[in-house]
PDB file of all heavy atoms in Angstrom:
ATOM      1  N   PHE A   1       0.784  -1.195  -0.057  1.00  0.00           N
ATOM      2  CA  PHE A   1      -0.043   0.064   0.002  1.00  0.00           C
ATOM      3  C   PHE A   1       0.831   1.225  -0.039  1.00  0.00           C
ATOM      4  O   PHE A   1       0.420   2.347  -0.401  1.00  0.00           O
ATOM      5  CB  PHE A   1      -0.910   0.023   1.124  1.00  0.00           C
ATOM      6  CG  PHE A   1      -2.173  -0.897   0.999  1.00  0.00           C
ATOM      7  CD1 PHE A   1      -2.574  -1.688   2.123  1.00  0.00           C
ATOM      8  CD2 PHE A   1      -2.885  -0.853  -0.132  1.00  0.00           C
ATOM      9  CE1 PHE A   1      -3.669  -2.442   1.902  1.00  0.00           C
ATOM     10  CE2 PHE A   1      -4.107  -1.593  -0.182  1.00  0.00           C
ATOM     11  CZ  PHE A   1      -4.401  -2.475   0.837  1.00  0.00           C
ATOM     12  N   GLN A   2       2.151   1.114   0.373  1.00  0.00           N
ATOM     13  CA  GLN A   2       3.131   2.259   0.428  1.00  0.00           C
ATOM     14  C   GLN A   2       3.267   2.927  -0.953  1.00  0.00           C
ATOM     15  O   GLN A   2       3.623   4.001  -1.115  1.00  0.00           O
ATOM     16  CB  GLN A   2       4.434   1.937   1.022  1.00  0.00           C
ATOM     17  CG  GLN A   2       4.394   1.331   2.457  1.00  0.00           C
ATOM     18  CD  GLN A   2       5.729   0.775   2.792  1.00  0.00           C
ATOM     19  OE1 GLN A   2       6.767   1.621   3.015  1.00  0.00           O
ATOM     20  NE2 GLN A   2       6.019  -0.478   3.050  1.00  0.00           N
ATOM     21  N   LEU A   3       3.025   2.029  -1.930  1.00  0.00           N
ATOM     22  CA  LEU A   3       3.288   2.489  -3.337  1.00  0.00           C
ATOM     23  C   LEU A   3       2.171   3.320  -3.944  1.00  0.00           C
ATOM     24  O   LEU A   3       2.522   3.973  -4.957  1.00  0.00           O
ATOM     25  CB  LEU A   3       3.582   1.264  -4.196  1.00  0.00           C
ATOM     26  CG  LEU A   3       4.777   0.360  -3.830  1.00  0.00           C
ATOM     27  CD1 LEU A   3       4.766  -0.860  -4.680  1.00  0.00           C
ATOM     28  CD2 LEU A   3       6.036   1.067  -3.873  1.00  0.00           C
ATOM     29  N   VAL A   4       1.048   3.330  -3.311  1.00  0.00           N
ATOM     30  CA  VAL A   4      -0.085   3.833  -4.082  1.00  0.00           C
ATOM     31  C   VAL A   4      -0.019   5.339  -4.254  1.00  0.00           C
ATOM     32  O   VAL A   4       0.361   6.093  -3.152  1.00  0.00           O
ATOM     33  CB  VAL A   4      -1.410   3.510  -3.315  1.00  0.00           C
ATOM     34  CG1 VAL A   4      -2.650   4.276  -3.828  1.00  0.00           C
ATOM     35  CG2 VAL A   4      -1.658   2.049  -3.335  1.00  0.00           C
ATOM     36  N   ASN A   5      -0.191   5.853  -5.364  1.00  0.00           N
ATOM     37  CA  ASN A   5      -0.232   7.352  -5.626  1.00  0.00           C
ATOM     38  C   ASN A   5      -1.142   7.540  -6.924  1.00  0.00           C
ATOM     39  O   ASN A   5      -1.938   6.634  -7.311  1.00  0.00           O
ATOM     40  CB  ASN A   5       1.031   7.977  -5.824  1.00  0.00           C
ATOM     41  CG  ASN A   5       1.882   7.199  -6.962  1.00  0.00           C
ATOM     42  OD1 ASN A   5       1.379   6.858  -8.059  1.00  0.00           O
ATOM     43  ND2 ASN A   5       3.189   7.082  -6.752  1.00  0.00           N
ATOM     44  N   ASP A   6      -1.044   8.737  -7.562  1.00  0.00           N
ATOM     45  CA  ASP A   6      -1.938   8.958  -8.589  1.00  0.00           C
ATOM     46  C   ASP A   6      -1.759   8.081  -9.819  1.00  0.00           C
ATOM     47  O   ASP A   6      -2.601   7.918 -10.703  1.00  0.00           O
ATOM     48  CB  ASP A   6      -1.752  10.372  -9.172  1.00  0.00           C
ATOM     49  CG  ASP A   6      -2.299  11.421  -8.097  1.00  0.00           C
ATOM     50  OD1 ASP A   6      -3.035  11.076  -7.239  1.00  0.00           O
ATOM     51  OD2 ASP A   6      -1.808  12.587  -8.160  1.00  0.00           O
ATOM     52  N   GLN A   7      -0.540   7.311  -9.905  1.00  0.00           N
ATOM     53  CA  GLN A   7      -0.175   6.558 -10.999  1.00  0.00           C
ATOM     54  C   GLN A   7      -0.177   4.981 -10.647  1.00  0.00           C
ATOM     55  O   GLN A   7      -0.177   4.180 -11.476  1.00  0.00           O
ATOM     56  CB  GLN A   7       1.150   6.856 -11.587  1.00  0.00           C
ATOM     57  CG  GLN A   7       1.302   8.144 -12.426  1.00  0.00           C
ATOM     58  CD  GLN A   7       2.704   8.302 -12.865  1.00  0.00           C
ATOM     59  OE1 GLN A   7       3.517   8.990 -12.303  1.00  0.00           O
ATOM     60  NE2 GLN A   7       3.097   7.676 -14.042  1.00  0.00           N
ATOM     61  N   VAL A   8      -0.253   4.759  -9.290  1.00  0.00           N
ATOM     62  CA  VAL A   8      -0.201   3.445  -8.881  1.00  0.00           C
ATOM     63  C   VAL A   8      -1.303   3.061  -8.040  1.00  0.00           C
ATOM     64  O   VAL A   8      -1.659   3.684  -6.961  1.00  0.00           O
ATOM     65  CB  VAL A   8       1.246   3.274  -8.088  1.00  0.00           C
ATOM     66  CG1 VAL A   8       1.388   1.803  -7.559  1.00  0.00           C
ATOM     67  CG2 VAL A   8       2.277   3.731  -8.741  1.00  0.00           C
ATOM     68  N   GLN A   9      -1.843   1.878  -8.462  1.00  0.00           N
ATOM     69  CA  GLN A   9      -3.022   1.326  -7.665  1.00  0.00           C
ATOM     70  C   GLN A   9      -2.669  -0.110  -7.258  1.00  0.00           C
ATOM     71  O   GLN A   9      -1.934  -0.822  -7.848  1.00  0.00           O
ATOM     72  CB  GLN A   9      -4.315   1.340  -8.531  1.00  0.00           C
ATOM     73  CG  GLN A   9      -4.803   2.518  -8.841  1.00  0.00           C
ATOM     74  CD  GLN A   9      -6.052   2.610  -9.734  1.00  0.00           C
ATOM     75  OE1 GLN A   9      -6.395   1.528 -10.282  1.00  0.00           O
ATOM     76  NE2 GLN A   9      -6.723   3.678  -9.727  1.00  0.00           N
ATOM     77  N   ILE A  10      -3.276  -0.599  -6.235  1.00  0.00           N
ATOM     78  CA  ILE A  10      -3.323  -1.995  -5.661  1.00  0.00           C
ATOM     79  C   ILE A  10      -4.511  -2.699  -6.184  1.00  0.00           C
ATOM     80  O   ILE A  10      -5.633  -2.204  -6.028  1.00  0.00           O
ATOM     81  CB  ILE A  10      -3.018  -2.090  -4.172  1.00  0.00           C
ATOM     82  CG1 ILE A  10      -1.849  -1.558  -3.768  1.00  0.00           C
ATOM     83  CG2 ILE A  10      -3.228  -3.586  -3.813  1.00  0.00           C
ATOM     84  CD1 ILE A  10      -0.584  -2.160  -4.283  1.00  0.00           C
ATOM     85  N   LEU A  11      -4.269  -3.847  -6.816  1.00  0.00           N
ATOM     86  CA  LEU A  11      -5.398  -4.639  -7.318  1.00  0.00           C
ATOM     87  C   LEU A  11      -5.576  -5.910  -6.522  1.00  0.00           C
ATOM     88  O   LEU A  11      -4.536  -6.734  -6.582  1.00  0.00           O
ATOM     89  CB  LEU A  11      -5.261  -4.863  -8.837  1.00  0.00           C
ATOM     90  CG  LEU A  11      -6.417  -5.478  -9.636  1.00  0.00           C
ATOM     91  CD1 LEU A  11      -7.663  -4.678  -9.509  1.00  0.00           C
ATOM     92  CD2 LEU A  11      -5.945  -5.721 -11.099  1.00  0.00           C
ATOM     93  N   ARG A  12      -6.689  -6.228  -5.948  1.00  0.00           N
ATOM     94  CA  ARG A  12      -6.887  -7.589  -5.388  1.00  0.00           C
ATOM     95  C   ARG A  12      -7.978  -8.363  -6.135  1.00  0.00           C
ATOM     96  O   ARG A  12      -9.039  -7.739  -6.325  1.00  0.00           O
ATOM     97  CB  ARG A  12      -7.348  -7.350  -3.896  1.00  0.00           C
ATOM     98  CG  ARG A  12      -6.076  -6.825  -3.125  1.00  0.00           C
ATOM     99  CD  ARG A  12      -6.295  -6.806  -1.600  1.00  0.00           C
ATOM    100  NE  ARG A  12      -5.165  -6.566  -0.790  1.00  0.00           N
ATOM    101  CZ  ARG A  12      -5.028  -6.350   0.318  1.00  0.00           C
ATOM    102  NH1 ARG A  12      -6.094  -6.598   1.111  1.00  0.00           N
ATOM    103  NH2 ARG A  12      -3.840  -5.948   1.094  1.00  0.00           N
ATOM    104  N   LEU A  13      -7.611  -9.357  -6.478  1.00  0.00           N
ATOM    105  CA  LEU A  13      -8.615 -10.212  -7.444  1.00  0.00           C
ATOM    106  C   LEU A  13      -9.190 -11.403  -6.618  1.00  0.00           C
ATOM    107  O   LEU A  13      -8.482 -12.134  -5.901  1.00  0.00           O
ATOM    108  CB  LEU A  13      -7.823 -10.756  -8.729  1.00  0.00           C
ATOM    109  CG  LEU A  13      -7.310  -9.778  -9.669  1.00  0.00           C
ATOM    110  CD1 LEU A  13      -6.518 -10.416 -10.720  1.00  0.00           C
ATOM    111  CD2 LEU A  13      -8.304  -8.791 -10.201  1.00  0.00           C
ATOM    112  N   MET A  14     -10.439 -11.543  -6.776  1.00  0.00           N
ATOM    113  CA  MET A  14     -11.095 -12.662  -6.204  1.00  0.00           C
ATOM    114  C   MET A  14     -11.856 -13.365  -7.380  1.00  0.00           C
ATOM    115  O   MET A  14     -12.021 -12.812  -8.475  1.00  0.00           O
ATOM    116  CB  MET A  14     -12.216 -12.151  -5.195  1.00  0.00           C
ATOM    117  CG  MET A  14     -11.652 -12.064  -3.711  1.00  0.00           C
ATOM    118  SD  MET A  14     -10.570 -10.722  -3.599  1.00  0.00           S
ATOM    119  CE  MET A  14     -11.633  -9.294  -3.545  1.00  0.00           C
ATOM    120  N   PRO A  15     -12.302 -14.587  -7.212  1.00  0.00           N
ATOM    121  CA  PRO A  15     -12.934 -15.346  -8.313  1.00  0.00           C
ATOM    122  C   PRO A  15     -14.172 -14.593  -9.038  1.00  0.00           C
ATOM    123  O   PRO A  15     -14.361 -14.628 -10.131  1.00  0.00           O
ATOM    124  CB  PRO A  15     -13.421 -16.677  -7.589  1.00  0.00           C
ATOM    125  CG  PRO A  15     -12.511 -16.780  -6.409  1.00  0.00           C
ATOM    126  CD  PRO A  15     -12.228 -15.433  -6.055  1.00  0.00           C
ATOM    127  N   ASP A  16     -14.882 -13.748  -8.210  1.00  0.00           N
ATOM    128  CA  ASP A  16     -16.092 -13.145  -8.595  1.00  0.00           C
ATOM    129  C   ASP A  16     -15.999 -11.644  -8.603  1.00  0.00           C
ATOM    130  O   ASP A  16     -17.015 -10.925  -9.065  1.00  0.00           O
ATOM    131  CB  ASP A  16     -17.332 -13.524  -7.976  1.00  0.00           C
ATOM    132  CG  ASP A  16     -17.183 -13.434  -6.411  1.00  0.00           C
ATOM    133  OD1 ASP A  16     -16.182 -13.095  -5.958  1.00  0.00           O
ATOM    134  OD2 ASP A  16     -18.251 -13.528  -5.783  1.00  0.00           O
ATOM    135  N   GLN A  17     -14.830 -11.071  -8.153  1.00  0.00           N
ATOM    136  CA  GLN A  17     -14.817  -9.632  -8.103  1.00  0.00           C
ATOM    137  C   GLN A  17     -13.352  -9.104  -8.012  1.00  0.00           C
ATOM    138  O   GLN A  17     -12.461  -9.985  -7.850  1.00  0.00           O
ATOM    139  CB  GLN A  17     -15.574  -9.019  -6.822  1.00  0.00           C
ATOM    140  CG  GLN A  17     -14.920  -9.381  -5.497  1.00  0.00           C
ATOM    141  CD  GLN A  17     -15.563  -8.816  -4.278  1.00  0.00           C
ATOM    142  OE1 GLN A  17     -15.982  -7.698  -4.399  1.00  0.00           O
ATOM    143  NE2 GLN A  17     -15.764  -9.563  -3.296  1.00  0.00           N
ATOM    144  N   GLU A  18     -13.174  -7.742  -8.112  1.00  0.00           N
ATOM    145  CA  GLU A  18     -11.821  -7.267  -7.930  1.00  0.00           C
ATOM    146  C   GLU A  18     -12.058  -5.905  -7.193  1.00  0.00           C
ATOM    147  O   GLU A  18     -12.997  -5.287  -7.269  1.00  0.00           O
ATOM    148  CB  GLU A  18     -11.174  -6.904  -9.301  1.00  0.00           C
ATOM    149  CG  GLU A  18     -11.889  -5.904 -10.182  1.00  0.00           C
ATOM    150  CD  GLU A  18     -11.180  -5.685 -11.457  1.00  0.00           C
ATOM    151  OE1 GLU A  18     -10.617  -6.646 -12.082  1.00  0.00           O
ATOM    152  OE2 GLU A  18     -11.116  -4.531 -11.976  1.00  0.00           O
ATOM    153  N   ILE A  19     -11.061  -5.675  -6.298  1.00  0.00           N
ATOM    154  CA  ILE A  19     -10.989  -4.447  -5.435  1.00  0.00           C
ATOM    155  C   ILE A  19      -9.876  -3.591  -5.888  1.00  0.00           C
ATOM    156  O   ILE A  19      -8.664  -4.142  -5.916  1.00  0.00           O
ATOM    157  CB  ILE A  19     -10.935  -4.767  -3.996  1.00  0.00           C
ATOM    158  CG1 ILE A  19     -12.070  -5.746  -3.658  1.00  0.00           C
ATOM    159  CG2 ILE A  19     -10.903  -3.553  -3.132  1.00  0.00           C
ATOM    160  CD1 ILE A  19     -12.039  -6.218  -2.113  1.00  0.00           C
ATOM    161  N   VAL A  20     -10.162  -2.322  -6.254  1.00  0.00           N
ATOM    162  CA  VAL A  20      -9.035  -1.466  -6.496  1.00  0.00           C
ATOM    163  C   VAL A  20      -8.837  -0.468  -5.443  1.00  0.00           C
ATOM    164  O   VAL A  20      -9.685   0.061  -4.973  1.00  0.00           O
ATOM    165  CB  VAL A  20      -9.338  -0.666  -7.783  1.00  0.00           C
ATOM    166  CG1 VAL A  20      -8.314   0.296  -8.265  1.00  0.00           C
ATOM    167  CG2 VAL A  20      -9.708  -1.629  -8.987  1.00  0.00           C
ATOM    168  N   TYR A  21      -7.549  -0.334  -4.967  1.00  0.00           N
ATOM    169  CA  TYR A  21      -7.188   0.526  -4.004  1.00  0.00           C
ATOM    170  C   TYR A  21      -6.330   1.680  -4.503  1.00  0.00           C
ATOM    171  O   TYR A  21      -5.206   1.607  -4.915  1.00  0.00           O
ATOM    172  CB  TYR A  21      -6.272  -0.223  -2.975  1.00  0.00           C
ATOM    173  CG  TYR A  21      -7.070  -1.168  -2.041  1.00  0.00           C
ATOM    174  CD1 TYR A  21      -7.163  -2.510  -2.458  1.00  0.00           C
ATOM    175  CD2 TYR A  21      -7.767  -0.681  -1.030  1.00  0.00           C
ATOM    176  CE1 TYR A  21      -7.817  -3.421  -1.584  1.00  0.00           C
ATOM    177  CE2 TYR A  21      -8.556  -1.646  -0.224  1.00  0.00           C
ATOM    178  CZ  TYR A  21      -8.492  -2.965  -0.577  1.00  0.00           C
ATOM    179  OH  TYR A  21      -9.298  -3.785   0.222  1.00  0.00           O
ATOM    180  N   ASP A  22      -7.027   2.873  -4.463  1.00  0.00           N
ATOM    181  CA  ASP A  22      -6.283   4.134  -4.851  1.00  0.00           C
ATOM    182  C   ASP A  22      -6.067   4.782  -3.408  1.00  0.00           C
ATOM    183  O   ASP A  22      -6.134   4.172  -2.464  1.00  0.00           O
ATOM    184  CB  ASP A  22      -7.059   4.972  -5.766  1.00  0.00           C
ATOM    185  CG  ASP A  22      -8.541   5.400  -5.213  1.00  0.00           C
ATOM    186  OD1 ASP A  22      -8.757   5.057  -3.978  1.00  0.00           O
ATOM    187  OD2 ASP A  22      -9.307   5.894  -5.902  1.00  0.00           O
ATOM    188  N   ARG A  23      -5.615   6.074  -3.573  1.00  0.00           N
ATOM    189  CA  ARG A  23      -5.214   6.720  -2.223  1.00  0.00           C
ATOM    190  C   ARG A  23      -6.214   6.774  -1.205  1.00  0.00           C
ATOM    191  O   ARG A  23      -6.089   6.497  -0.114  1.00  0.00           O
ATOM    192  CB  ARG A  23      -4.748   8.113  -2.739  1.00  0.00           C
ATOM    193  CG  ARG A  23      -4.318   9.003  -1.482  1.00  0.00           C
ATOM    194  CD  ARG A  23      -3.833  10.446  -2.003  1.00  0.00           C
ATOM    195  NE  ARG A  23      -3.670  11.257  -0.903  1.00  0.00           N
ATOM    196  CZ  ARG A  23      -2.646  11.359  -0.043  1.00  0.00           C
ATOM    197  NH1 ARG A  23      -1.671  10.429  -0.224  1.00  0.00           N
ATOM    198  NH2 ARG A  23      -2.620  12.218   0.863  1.00  0.00           N
ATOM    199  N   GLU A  24      -7.534   7.186  -1.500  1.00  0.00           N
ATOM    200  CA  GLU A  24      -8.577   7.178  -0.548  1.00  0.00           C
ATOM    201  C   GLU A  24      -9.045   5.814  -0.171  1.00  0.00           C
ATOM    202  O   GLU A  24      -9.348   5.718   0.957  1.00  0.00           O
ATOM    203  CB  GLU A  24      -9.707   7.942  -1.268  1.00  0.00           C
ATOM    204  CG  GLU A  24      -9.449   9.471  -1.531  1.00  0.00           C
ATOM    205  CD  GLU A  24      -9.247  10.277  -0.246  1.00  0.00           C
ATOM    206  OE1 GLU A  24      -9.665   9.806   0.783  1.00  0.00           O
ATOM    207  OE2 GLU A  24      -8.262  11.106  -0.318  1.00  0.00           O
ATOM    208  N   ALA A  25      -8.995   4.750  -0.966  1.00  0.00           N
ATOM    209  CA  ALA A  25      -9.410   3.470  -0.565  1.00  0.00           C
ATOM    210  C   ALA A  25      -8.510   2.861   0.431  1.00  0.00           C
ATOM    211  O   ALA A  25      -8.809   2.188   1.386  1.00  0.00           O
ATOM    212  CB  ALA A  25      -9.471   2.650  -1.735  1.00  0.00           C
ATOM    213  N   VAL A  26      -7.067   3.262   0.349  1.00  0.00           N
ATOM    214  CA  VAL A  26      -6.093   2.895   1.205  1.00  0.00           C
ATOM    215  C   VAL A  26      -6.531   3.466   2.630  1.00  0.00           C
ATOM    216  O   VAL A  26      -6.326   2.895   3.701  1.00  0.00           O
ATOM    217  CB  VAL A  26      -4.677   3.213   0.849  1.00  0.00           C
ATOM    218  CG1 VAL A  26      -3.676   2.936   1.970  1.00  0.00           C
ATOM    219  CG2 VAL A  26      -4.285   2.449  -0.466  1.00  0.00           C
ATOM    220  N   LYS A  27      -6.767   4.880   2.632  1.00  0.00           N
ATOM    221  CA  LYS A  27      -7.055   5.491   3.862  1.00  0.00           C
ATOM    222  C   LYS A  27      -8.249   4.902   4.569  1.00  0.00           C
ATOM    223  O   LYS A  27      -8.423   4.647   5.772  1.00  0.00           O
ATOM    224  CB  LYS A  27      -7.387   7.060   3.487  1.00  0.00           C
ATOM    225  CG  LYS A  27      -7.840   7.815   4.784  1.00  0.00           C
ATOM    226  CD  LYS A  27      -6.630   7.925   5.815  1.00  0.00           C
ATOM    227  CE  LYS A  27      -6.888   9.067   6.719  1.00  0.00           C
ATOM    228  NZ  LYS A  27      -8.096   8.929   7.630  1.00  0.00           N
ATOM    229  N   GLU A  28      -9.241   4.543   3.734  1.00  0.00           N
ATOM    230  CA  GLU A  28     -10.455   4.023   4.183  1.00  0.00           C
ATOM    231  C   GLU A  28     -10.277   2.609   4.887  1.00  0.00           C
ATOM    232  O   GLU A  28     -10.791   2.231   5.947  1.00  0.00           O
ATOM    233  CB  GLU A  28     -11.634   3.810   3.177  1.00  0.00           C
ATOM    234  CG  GLU A  28     -12.914   3.197   3.645  1.00  0.00           C
ATOM    235  CD  GLU A  28     -13.916   3.085   2.586  1.00  0.00           C
ATOM    236  OE1 GLU A  28     -13.776   3.695   1.519  1.00  0.00           O
ATOM    237  OE2 GLU A  28     -14.936   2.522   2.892  1.00  0.00           O
ATOM    238  N   LYS A  29      -9.437   1.802   4.309  1.00  0.00           N
ATOM    239  CA  LYS A  29      -9.058   0.474   4.838  1.00  0.00           C
ATOM    240  C   LYS A  29      -8.081   0.393   5.952  1.00  0.00           C
ATOM    241  O   LYS A  29      -8.286  -0.236   6.942  1.00  0.00           O
ATOM    242  CB  LYS A  29      -8.506  -0.434   3.741  1.00  0.00           C
ATOM    243  CG  LYS A  29      -8.238  -1.863   4.152  1.00  0.00           C
ATOM    244  CD  LYS A  29      -7.764  -2.787   3.003  1.00  0.00           C
ATOM    245  CE  LYS A  29      -7.316  -4.309   3.531  1.00  0.00           C
ATOM    246  NZ  LYS A  29      -8.638  -4.840   4.281  1.00  0.00           N
ATOM    247  N   MET A  30      -7.042   1.198   5.867  1.00  0.00           N
ATOM    248  CA  MET A  30      -5.977   1.121   6.772  1.00  0.00           C
ATOM    249  C   MET A  30      -6.120   2.268   7.765  1.00  0.00           C
ATOM    250  O   MET A  30      -5.257   2.121   8.899  1.00  0.00           O
ATOM    251  CB  MET A  30      -4.730   1.212   6.131  1.00  0.00           C
ATOM    252  CG  MET A  30      -4.401   0.180   5.069  1.00  0.00           C
ATOM    253  SD  MET A  30      -4.453  -1.535   5.776  1.00  0.00           S
ATOM    254  CE  MET A  30      -2.793  -1.515   6.547  1.00  0.00           C
ATOM    255  N   GLY A  31      -6.796   3.272   7.532  1.00  0.00           N
ATOM    256  CA  GLY A  31      -6.940   4.367   8.641  1.00  0.00           C
ATOM    257  C   GLY A  31      -5.864   5.504   8.379  1.00  0.00           C
ATOM    258  O   GLY A  31      -5.912   6.467   8.967  1.00  0.00           O
ATOM    259  N   VAL A  32      -4.926   5.238   7.457  1.00  0.00           N
ATOM    260  CA  VAL A  32      -3.928   6.314   7.061  1.00  0.00           C
ATOM    261  C   VAL A  32      -3.709   6.279   5.557  1.00  0.00           C
ATOM    262  O   VAL A  32      -4.146   5.399   4.874  1.00  0.00           O
ATOM    263  CB  VAL A  32      -2.502   5.940   7.644  1.00  0.00           C
ATOM    264  CG1 VAL A  32      -2.598   5.887   9.250  1.00  0.00           C
ATOM    265  CG2 VAL A  32      -1.927   4.783   7.425  1.00  0.00           C
ATOM    266  N   TYR A  33      -2.960   7.408   5.186  1.00  0.00           N
ATOM    267  CA  TYR A  33      -2.856   7.425   3.651  1.00  0.00           C
ATOM    268  C   TYR A  33      -1.531   6.712   3.252  1.00  0.00           C
ATOM    269  O   TYR A  33      -0.605   6.222   4.087  1.00  0.00           O
ATOM    270  CB  TYR A  33      -2.540   8.922   3.239  1.00  0.00           C
ATOM    271  CG  TYR A  33      -3.870   9.743   3.200  1.00  0.00           C
ATOM    272  CD1 TYR A  33      -4.225  10.635   4.192  1.00  0.00           C
ATOM    273  CD2 TYR A  33      -4.676   9.414   2.172  1.00  0.00           C
ATOM    274  CE1 TYR A  33      -5.454  11.179   4.125  1.00  0.00           C
ATOM    275  CE2 TYR A  33      -5.934  10.141   2.070  1.00  0.00           C
ATOM    276  CZ  TYR A  33      -6.245  11.026   3.123  1.00  0.00           C
ATOM    277  OH  TYR A  33      -7.486  11.676   3.014  1.00  0.00           O
ATOM    278  N   PRO A  34      -1.280   6.315   2.084  1.00  0.00           N
ATOM    279  CA  PRO A  34      -0.243   5.507   1.550  1.00  0.00           C
ATOM    280  C   PRO A  34       1.200   5.958   2.117  1.00  0.00           C
ATOM    281  O   PRO A  34       1.948   5.061   2.524  1.00  0.00           O
ATOM    282  CB  PRO A  34      -0.285   5.570   0.080  1.00  0.00           C
ATOM    283  CG  PRO A  34      -1.677   5.776  -0.220  1.00  0.00           C
ATOM    284  CD  PRO A  34      -2.171   6.645   0.821  1.00  0.00           C
ATOM    285  N   GLU A  35       1.371   7.325   2.132  1.00  0.00           N
ATOM    286  CA  GLU A  35       2.769   7.708   2.532  1.00  0.00           C
ATOM    287  C   GLU A  35       2.922   7.396   4.023  1.00  0.00           C
ATOM    288  O   GLU A  35       4.129   7.460   4.566  1.00  0.00           O
ATOM    289  CB  GLU A  35       2.995   9.194   2.291  1.00  0.00           C
ATOM    290  CG  GLU A  35       1.920  10.065   2.914  1.00  0.00           C
ATOM    291  CD  GLU A  35       0.787  10.433   2.018  1.00  0.00           C
ATOM    292  OE1 GLU A  35       0.408   9.400   1.170  1.00  0.00           O
ATOM    293  OE2 GLU A  35       0.080  11.390   2.173  1.00  0.00           O
ATOM    294  N   GLN A  36       1.932   7.118   4.852  1.00  0.00           N
ATOM    295  CA  GLN A  36       1.997   6.862   6.149  1.00  0.00           C
ATOM    296  C   GLN A  36       1.984   5.286   6.488  1.00  0.00           C
ATOM    297  O   GLN A  36       2.146   4.835   7.711  1.00  0.00           O
ATOM    298  CB  GLN A  36       0.803   7.438   7.045  1.00  0.00           C
ATOM    299  CG  GLN A  36       0.769   8.969   6.869  1.00  0.00           C
ATOM    300  CD  GLN A  36      -0.517   9.544   7.515  1.00  0.00           C
ATOM    301  OE1 GLN A  36      -1.622   9.276   7.000  1.00  0.00           O
ATOM    302  NE2 GLN A  36      -0.222  10.329   8.591  1.00  0.00           N
ATOM    303  N   ILE A  37       1.919   4.513   5.591  1.00  0.00           N
ATOM    304  CA  ILE A  37       1.720   3.023   5.697  1.00  0.00           C
ATOM    305  C   ILE A  37       3.027   2.465   6.274  1.00  0.00           C
ATOM    306  O   ILE A  37       2.930   1.551   7.290  1.00  0.00           O
ATOM    307  CB  ILE A  37       1.444   2.287   4.434  1.00  0.00           C
ATOM    308  CG1 ILE A  37      -0.050   2.586   3.904  1.00  0.00           C
ATOM    309  CG2 ILE A  37       1.593   0.780   4.426  1.00  0.00           C
ATOM    310  CD1 ILE A  37      -1.090   2.026   4.847  1.00  0.00           C
ATOM    311  N   GLY A  38       4.116   2.804   5.997  1.00  0.00           N
ATOM    312  CA  GLY A  38       5.418   2.306   6.488  1.00  0.00           C
ATOM    313  C   GLY A  38       5.454   2.699   7.950  1.00  0.00           C
ATOM    314  O   GLY A  38       5.892   1.846   8.687  1.00  0.00           O
ATOM    315  N   ASP A  39       5.124   3.804   8.452  1.00  0.00           N
ATOM    316  CA  ASP A  39       5.014   4.225   9.757  1.00  0.00           C
ATOM    317  C   ASP A  39       4.120   3.417  10.512  1.00  0.00           C
ATOM    318  O   ASP A  39       4.337   3.055  11.747  1.00  0.00           O
ATOM    319  CB  ASP A  39       4.894   5.682   9.996  1.00  0.00           C
ATOM    320  CG  ASP A  39       5.991   6.530   9.602  1.00  0.00           C
ATOM    321  OD1 ASP A  39       7.153   5.976   9.360  1.00  0.00           O
ATOM    322  OD2 ASP A  39       5.989   7.797   9.450  1.00  0.00           O
ATOM    323  N   LEU A  40       2.923   3.159   9.864  1.00  0.00           N
ATOM    324  CA  LEU A  40       1.841   2.336  10.615  1.00  0.00           C
ATOM    325  C   LEU A  40       2.351   1.011  10.864  1.00  0.00           C
ATOM    326  O   LEU A  40       2.189   0.525  11.964  1.00  0.00           O
ATOM    327  CB  LEU A  40       0.649   2.353   9.744  1.00  0.00           C
ATOM    328  CG  LEU A  40      -0.477   1.516  10.263  1.00  0.00           C
ATOM    329  CD1 LEU A  40      -1.220   2.302  11.510  1.00  0.00           C
ATOM    330  CD2 LEU A  40      -1.623   1.337   9.163  1.00  0.00           C
ATOM    331  N   LEU A  41       2.999   0.440   9.831  1.00  0.00           N
ATOM    332  CA  LEU A  41       3.415  -0.942   9.985  1.00  0.00           C
ATOM    333  C   LEU A  41       4.632  -1.074  11.117  1.00  0.00           C
ATOM    334  O   LEU A  41       4.813  -1.950  11.700  1.00  0.00           O
ATOM    335  CB  LEU A  41       3.811  -1.563   8.806  1.00  0.00           C
ATOM    336  CG  LEU A  41       2.745  -1.617   7.545  1.00  0.00           C
ATOM    337  CD1 LEU A  41       3.241  -2.154   6.332  1.00  0.00           C
ATOM    338  CD2 LEU A  41       1.573  -2.462   8.024  1.00  0.00           C
ATOM    339  N   ALA A  42       5.367  -0.101  11.046  1.00  0.00           N
ATOM    340  CA  ALA A  42       6.643  -0.020  11.938  1.00  0.00           C
ATOM    341  C   ALA A  42       6.072   0.130  13.390  1.00  0.00           C
ATOM    342  O   ALA A  42       6.655  -0.516  14.323  1.00  0.00           O
ATOM    343  CB  ALA A  42       7.455   1.161  11.502  1.00  0.00           C
ATOM    344  N   MET A  43       5.034   0.818  13.697  1.00  0.00           N
ATOM    345  CA  MET A  43       4.447   0.921  14.942  1.00  0.00           C
ATOM    346  C   MET A  43       3.663  -0.317  15.405  1.00  0.00           C
ATOM    347  O   MET A  43       3.809  -0.826  16.592  1.00  0.00           O
ATOM    348  CB  MET A  43       3.548   2.097  15.063  1.00  0.00           C
ATOM    349  CG  MET A  43       4.139   3.476  14.920  1.00  0.00           C
ATOM    350  SD  MET A  43       3.058   4.879  14.835  1.00  0.00           S
ATOM    351  CE  MET A  43       2.423   4.921  16.499  1.00  0.00           C
ATOM    352  N   VAL A  44       3.022  -0.857  14.386  1.00  0.00           N
ATOM    353  CA  VAL A  44       2.095  -2.060  14.893  1.00  0.00           C
ATOM    354  C   VAL A  44       2.851  -3.346  14.786  1.00  0.00           C
ATOM    355  O   VAL A  44       2.651  -4.258  15.624  1.00  0.00           O
ATOM    356  CB  VAL A  44       0.999  -2.237  13.946  1.00  0.00           C
ATOM    357  CG1 VAL A  44       0.195  -3.481  14.159  1.00  0.00           C
ATOM    358  CG2 VAL A  44       0.058  -1.020  13.918  1.00  0.00           C
TER     359      VAL A  44
END
């Protein structure tokens, strides 16, 4: 998730659907923005 920006998205594929994570989707899922993911993981 650290990589996500205007040009980079994370794609999660399931048999019947796909989930696309852009900057706002990362914030919704993880509680922080992509540039803060490294610090979040370091703390947790």
